[in-house]
Amino acid sequence: MSGAQQVQEPLAVAAIDLGATSGRVMLGVIEQGRIELVPAHRFENRLLEHDGHLRWDIEALWAEIRQGLADAHGLALVRGLPGLSSIGVDSWAVDYGLVGPDQVGADGAAVPGSGELLGGVIAYRDSRTDGVADVFAEQVSRERQFALTGIAQQPFNTLYQLVAEERLAALPEGSTLLMVPDLIGYLLTGQRRTERTNASSTGMLALETQDWSPELLEAAGVDPALLAPLLSPGERLGTVLPQLAGELGIGEVPVIAVGSHDTASAVLAVPAAQDTHPLAYISSGTWSLIGLELDSPVGSPAALEAGFTNEGGVDATTRFLKNVAGMWLVTESIRQWEEEGASVDLADLLAAAAVMPAHRFRIDPTDPAFLAPGRMAERVTMAATPLEGEDERPRTPAQLVRCILESLAETYRDELHAACRLARMPLPERLHVVGGGSRNALLNQLTADALGIEVVAGPMEATALGNVALQARTLGAVSSAPGALRELVRASVDLERFTPRSSLTDVR
């Protein structure tokens, strides 16, 4: 909306933010140059095993989302606002649903949003892709895949899921593959589109054309007609279907494509100054995504060898990053302890870990052995390597969590140094940590110590803030000038800073 008149009155928008363990619908109120986030509805997102595969319970998620939108609309009305002005959806990456053709109504026309979800949504943690990347590389080399897409060959990439997909041959004509946020967008609007930041994570989007790669689709046996047309962050997807709008009482409001890959929205909300270069970040949650925001991708063989990836960001930026299994290791360990009958409070556990002796054990958080759920504490314990002077493994939950967090901090150090080296950038003066992990003071301090630079923590709800901020710009409530969205975020949040301690042996 460059040059357009900015909307001055308060606006209320809804951010649907789906994570791999939980989801939320947040009300975002934009007023006087600030965003106020108000939780409307939070809910769990759990994996189910069905017909031999790990699947997401999309029906349950859709019910929770509808409840959240109705609640957000109600909260807006309580504040004297006319209701929701728009909706945006983001989620985790790589997973998809297969949607059959829309049904035909009595008038002979297709009924938008009436296509059937065929076989549910199989989760990226499912074992069906085991070994698929190696087999596919015999058809299209890893080097060629990286040259085409800039995407690291993670075993769960959408490309490899499709190579292992058993449903493709039996799909009815007119079926469409929709990434998870695009599937929710379809349920909301009846429109079948794929937003580019999430498309970039699939391993099928060509860097050069920013469209689906015919070479990779052919090698994977995927009909190009299965894939939806692309749209960019900030574009309007459609409006809420009339029947759904009436059911929820929210009106036929626009649904705006945000950075639908949750990390894209989270990085958009990194509260850095406009002149920060390079911008270094960790989006810290179930996963830790550590990297740099760049103007162009890093497609060197060295980047491929190091496991880095070039994902699309908002406003044609590149998120040059690496995935590290972050707080998943802690939350899954807690789940094991609770299943064994223990009562575990995360805050108490972190406080206990903070006073544990340091530098006793290490693991490799990037080890694919930690991808799958189940008995995580046991697996981490067995993988923990005693450091010099130690002759035992972690014995208590606090010792184990200390081991995980120290290992993560050192991994962050190593990967940020690698990212800067590969991008030919200097190590920045500070690292921004956003997402749920920004509240983990022990991990933030360990990271500052390991890197020797300032760590700026916050905002915790970065993904929702990025989601809301881009909706606000599309609606004309925020300037389209460079840096305006991050200026809006900085004005809306309180940040915590961690400076490196002079001695890494002084650990408490």
Foldseek 3Di string as FASTA:
>chain_A
DFPDFFDADKAWAWEWEAEQFKTFIWIWIDHDLATDIDTQFIGTWDWDADPRFTATPVVVVLVRVLSSQLSNQVVCVVVVHNGHQEYEAAYAAQKKWKWAFADADPVRHGDQLRTDGPPHIGDLQICLLVPQLVVLCVVPNQLRLCQFQQFAPDSSANLSVLLSDPCVVVGDPPMAIEIPRQNSVSNFFSFREYEQLRVSRRSQQGPVPRHGDPVSCVSSVHDPSRYHHYDYFLAWRHWGDPVSCVVSVRPRHIYGYHSRNLVLLLVLQQLDFLPDPFAWEWAADQKTKTATKAQGRQRDPLLNVVRWGWGAHHPRITGTTHIFRHCVLVVLQVVVVVVVPDDDDPVVLLVLLLPDQAQFWEAARRPPVQSHGDNSLVVLQVRIDGDPPDDHTDDDSSPSVNRRLLRVLLVSQVRHVVNCVSVVHDRGQEYEYEAQCLPSVLSLQSNQQNNQHKYKGDDHPSSSLSRVLSNSVSVSNWHPPRPGSSSSSVVHDDIDMHHHDPDPSPRD
